[in-house]
Amino acid sequence: LELLQVRMTQEKAEALTIREAKTAEVTAQFTAAKVQADTLLQQSLNDCHNQGSGN
């Protein structure tokens, strides 16, 4: 039983490490995609409002 307890503790620690790494990876990818989308949106808004209509 002691061996099972030790192994369970090890596996739990490994799972938490993997979870943290994957969470960081997803967060970084989301942030990069958001920056790209925000840039594209801003460019589109600038193009839309800079048509020289004089309004």
N, C-alpha and C. Protein backbone atom coordinates (compact mmCIF):
# COMPACT_ATOMS: atom_id res chain seq x y z
N LEU A 1 0.82 -1.20 0.00
CA LEU A 1 0.00 0.00 0.00
C LEU A 1 0.86 1.26 0.00
N GLU A 2 1.96 1.19 0.70
CA GLU A 2 2.86 2.35 0.74
C GLU A 2 3.41 2.66 -0.65
N LEU A 3 3.77 1.61 -1.39
CA LEU A 3 4.28 1.78 -2.75
C LEU A 3 3.22 2.42 -3.65
N LEU A 4 1.97 1.98 -3.51
CA LEU A 4 0.89 2.57 -4.29
C LEU A 4 0.69 4.05 -3.95
N GLN A 5 0.81 4.38 -2.70
CA GLN A 5 0.66 5.77 -2.27
C GLN A 5 1.77 6.64 -2.86
N VAL A 6 3.00 6.12 -2.85
CA VAL A 6 4.13 6.85 -3.41
C VAL A 6 3.93 7.05 -4.91
N ARG A 7 3.53 5.98 -5.59
CA ARG A 7 3.33 6.06 -7.05
C ARG A 7 2.20 7.04 -7.38
N MET A 8 1.13 7.03 -6.60
CA MET A 8 0.01 7.93 -6.84
C MET A 8 0.46 9.39 -6.67
N THR A 9 1.27 9.64 -5.67
CA THR A 9 1.78 10.98 -5.43
C THR A 9 2.67 11.43 -6.60
N GLN A 10 3.49 10.54 -7.10
CA GLN A 10 4.36 10.85 -8.24
C GLN A 10 3.53 11.16 -9.49
N GLU A 11 2.53 10.32 -9.74
CA GLU A 11 1.70 10.51 -10.92
C GLU A 11 0.91 11.82 -10.83
N LYS A 12 0.45 12.13 -9.65
CA LYS A 12 -0.29 13.38 -9.46
C LYS A 12 0.62 14.58 -9.73
N ALA A 13 1.85 14.52 -9.26
CA ALA A 13 2.80 15.61 -9.49
C ALA A 13 3.10 15.74 -10.98
N GLU A 14 3.28 14.62 -11.67
CA GLU A 14 3.54 14.65 -13.11
C GLU A 14 2.36 15.24 -13.86
N ALA A 15 1.15 14.85 -13.48
CA ALA A 15 -0.05 15.36 -14.13
C ALA A 15 -0.19 16.87 -13.93
N LEU A 16 0.11 17.35 -12.75
CA LEU A 16 0.04 18.79 -12.49
C LEU A 16 1.08 19.56 -13.30
N THR A 17 2.25 18.98 -13.43
CA THR A 17 3.31 19.61 -14.23
C THR A 17 2.89 19.70 -15.70
N ILE A 18 2.35 18.62 -16.21
CA ILE A 18 1.88 18.60 -17.60
C ILE A 18 0.75 19.61 -17.79
N ARG A 19 -0.18 19.65 -16.83
CA ARG A 19 -1.30 20.59 -16.92
C ARG A 19 -0.81 22.03 -16.96
N GLU A 20 0.14 22.35 -16.12
CA GLU A 20 0.68 23.72 -16.09
C GLU A 20 1.36 24.07 -17.41
N ALA A 21 2.11 23.12 -17.95
CA ALA A 21 2.80 23.36 -19.22
C ALA A 21 1.80 23.55 -20.36
N LYS A 22 0.79 22.72 -20.41
CA LYS A 22 -0.22 22.82 -21.47
C LYS A 22 -1.03 24.11 -21.32
N THR A 23 -1.34 24.48 -20.10
CA THR A 23 -2.07 25.73 -19.86
C THR A 23 -1.26 26.93 -20.33
N ALA A 24 0.02 26.93 -20.03
CA ALA A 24 0.90 28.01 -20.47
C ALA A 24 0.98 28.06 -21.99
N GLU A 25 1.05 26.89 -22.62
CA GLU A 25 1.12 26.82 -24.08
C GLU A 25 -0.15 27.37 -24.72
N VAL A 26 -1.30 26.96 -24.21
CA VAL A 26 -2.57 27.43 -24.75
C VAL A 26 -2.72 28.93 -24.53
N THR A 27 -2.34 29.41 -23.36
CA THR A 27 -2.43 30.84 -23.06
C THR A 27 -1.55 31.65 -24.01
N ALA A 28 -0.35 31.18 -24.26
CA ALA A 28 0.56 31.88 -25.17
C ALA A 28 0.00 31.90 -26.60
N GLN A 29 -0.54 30.77 -27.05
CA GLN A 29 -1.12 30.72 -28.39
C GLN A 29 -2.34 31.63 -28.50
N PHE A 30 -3.17 31.64 -27.46
CA PHE A 30 -4.35 32.51 -27.46
C PHE A 30 -3.94 33.97 -27.51
N THR A 31 -2.95 34.34 -26.71
CA THR A 31 -2.49 35.72 -26.68
C THR A 31 -1.96 36.14 -28.05
N ALA A 32 -1.19 35.28 -28.69
CA ALA A 32 -0.65 35.59 -30.01
C ALA A 32 -1.78 35.74 -31.02
N ALA A 33 -2.77 34.87 -30.98
CA ALA A 33 -3.90 34.96 -31.91
C ALA A 33 -4.71 36.22 -31.65
N LYS A 34 -4.88 36.59 -30.39
CA LYS A 34 -5.64 37.79 -30.04
C LYS A 34 -4.93 39.03 -30.54
N VAL A 35 -3.63 39.09 -30.38
CA VAL A 35 -2.86 40.24 -30.87
C VAL A 35 -3.01 40.35 -32.38
N GLN A 36 -2.92 39.24 -33.08
CA GLN A 36 -3.07 39.24 -34.53
C GLN A 36 -4.47 39.70 -34.93
N ALA A 37 -5.50 39.20 -34.24
CA ALA A 37 -6.88 39.58 -34.55
C ALA A 37 -7.12 41.05 -34.23
N ASP A 38 -6.60 41.53 -33.13
CA ASP A 38 -6.76 42.94 -32.77
C ASP A 38 -6.08 43.85 -33.80
N THR A 39 -4.92 43.45 -34.27
CA THR A 39 -4.21 44.22 -35.29
C THR A 39 -5.01 44.27 -36.58
N LEU A 40 -5.53 43.14 -37.00
CA LEU A 40 -6.34 43.08 -38.21
C LEU A 40 -7.61 43.92 -38.06
N LEU A 41 -8.24 43.86 -36.92
CA LEU A 41 -9.44 44.66 -36.67
C LEU A 41 -9.11 46.14 -36.73
N GLN A 42 -8.05 46.55 -36.10
CA GLN A 42 -7.68 47.96 -36.10
C GLN A 42 -7.36 48.44 -37.51
N GLN A 43 -6.67 47.63 -38.29
CA GLN A 43 -6.37 48.00 -39.67
C GLN A 43 -7.65 48.15 -40.49
N SER A 44 -8.59 47.25 -40.28
CA SER A 44 -9.86 47.31 -40.99
C SER A 44 -10.65 48.55 -40.59
N LEU A 45 -10.67 48.85 -39.31
CA LEU A 45 -11.37 50.05 -38.85
C LEU A 45 -10.72 51.31 -39.41
N ASN A 46 -9.40 51.34 -39.43
CA ASN A 46 -8.70 52.49 -40.00
C ASN A 46 -9.02 52.66 -41.49
N ASP A 47 -9.04 51.56 -42.23
CA ASP A 47 -9.36 51.61 -43.67
C ASP A 47 -10.80 52.10 -43.87
N CYS A 48 -11.69 51.65 -43.02
CA CYS A 48 -13.10 52.01 -43.14
C CYS A 48 -13.30 53.50 -42.87
N HIS A 49 -12.62 54.05 -41.89
CA HIS A 49 -12.82 55.42 -41.47
C HIS A 49 -11.93 56.42 -42.20
N ASN A 50 -11.03 55.93 -43.03
CA ASN A 50 -10.11 56.82 -43.77
C ASN A 50 -10.41 56.80 -45.25
N GLN A 51 -11.68 56.96 -45.63
CA GLN A 51 -12.04 56.91 -47.03
C GLN A 51 -12.17 58.29 -47.66
N GLY A 52 -11.91 59.34 -46.87
CA GLY A 52 -11.89 60.68 -47.41
C GLY A 52 -13.26 61.27 -47.71
N SER A 53 -14.27 60.83 -47.00
CA SER A 53 -15.62 61.34 -47.27
C SER A 53 -15.84 62.70 -46.65
N GLY A 54 -15.01 63.14 -45.75
CA GLY A 54 -15.13 64.44 -45.14
C GLY A 54 -16.17 64.53 -44.03
N ASN A 55 -16.66 63.42 -43.58
CA ASN A 55 -17.66 63.44 -42.49
C ASN A 55 -17.03 63.65 -41.16
